Amino acid sequence: MMTTRRDVLTTVAGSIAAAALLAGTAAPGTAHAQSVQGVSQNEIVIGSIQDLSGPIAMLGKPVQNGQILAVEQWNANGGINGRKLRLIIEDSGYDPKKAVLAAQKLLTQDKVFALIGTLGTVATLPTQQIALDRGISSLFPITAHHGTFEPLHKYKFALATPYPTSTRLGLKEMLRRKPAKRIGILYQDDEYGLEVLRGTEAALKDMPGVQLVEKTSYKRGATDFSSQMQKLKAADVDLVVLGTIVRETIGAMAAIRQLGYTGDFFGSQATYMPVVAKAGGKAVEGLYAVGETPNLYRDDPNNNKLLNEWFDAYKARFNEDPDLYSIVGWLTVDIFAKAAQQAGPKLTSDTLSQALEANGYPRGFLGNPDMKWSATNHLGNNQVKVSQIQNGRWVVVSDFLKD
């Protein structure tokens, strides 16, 4: 069941007492609590923060749809240990202040059991701490920032290989395939962009004769990249690293192409977007980027039956084709639901964490990597693949890369 921000979460009389009897344990952080927030006899309430109106809404909406589909499928199959899932999604507009307000609403008014799949570094970093301070889990943010799993906290779990690691692994593989000597980088002037810069610098430390000759940045939300591209062109770079997202990737590549640049491009996980390949046209042809889960297409003859059935279920529900971020959204809820089921009827943040640490999440029909957590490591994955845009589609060109 899906609840929008205009809905008011209703409760059944006596459900708090029933949940306390069923859970048999106090909520995390409250020594004598009589119930677990977001867990009643019949329901588990979960929350998510997406960009539904800002610059990366083209990612937030498919994430939202994937989450909705997963919730509906779990509920149609009986829910989790007799409880149905209720999902409440709030819009951040890709603005950290709005994200904080969204988190406060979810945690204090809607009283969610966990925050799941928050989209973007700028929304995740401030909101996960608010949840953790209340003893609420922050699970599987859709960002590769190391702050999603470091420092270790028993209630925060991450899926994505950190930007510095993935950039380093992918760039080294890229340079193995297409040797270059003079590297330039364009990066977003925030924590996300700095993470990509750190990964780039780390990769080049191990590569004698390869130099980072130009660094240039842009403010989040920028649309004009002409001055930055002129700097990179003037530096005579033969490979440009992009710490960009969607519009910036397309705009920057188009701008430097117009200046006559014919070198290569390599992007972080945040450039590995279906819409980049779809909307970028000729300007983005040949772009390399890293990602954990592949972009998949319904007409691929190599698809298995389960994958095509999932594609068709999504299309029937939302009247549009799913993309990578639909898959990622679905995975965030499915991983949570499987762990909650493994935790048993006495669901708390503690039993959920124990289930994640003990069981992991295997590679499935959607192409995700194996994910494993432990009591000392809450990063579920540390491997990526390199893909390239070929004829308007992302094509995987490497095996999984890892340290």
Foldseek 3Di string as FASTA:
>chain_A
DEDEPVDADDDDPPFQQQQLVQLVDAFPPDHDHSHHFQDGPAEAEEEEEFACDADVNVLRVLLVLLQVVLQVVCVVVQHFQRHHYYYYYHHQNLAQVSLQVVLCCCCPRVRHQAYFAYEDPSNPPVNQVVQVVVSHAYEAHRAQDPSQCPPHDLRGFYAHAHLLLQLLQQVLVVCVVPPWAEEEEEAEPDRLRVSNVNSVVVNCVPPPRHDHQYYYYDYPPDQACQVVLVVVVVSVGQEYEYNDAANCVLRSLVNNVVVVHDHAYEYEQRNLFLVNLQVSPPSQAFYKYKDQFFWDDLPPPPADPVVNVVQVSSCVVPVDGRTPSSVSSNVRNVLQSVLQNVLPSNDHSNSSSVSQQVPFDDQDSRRGHTFHHHPNTRHGDNWIFMWGNDPSGTDTDGDITGD
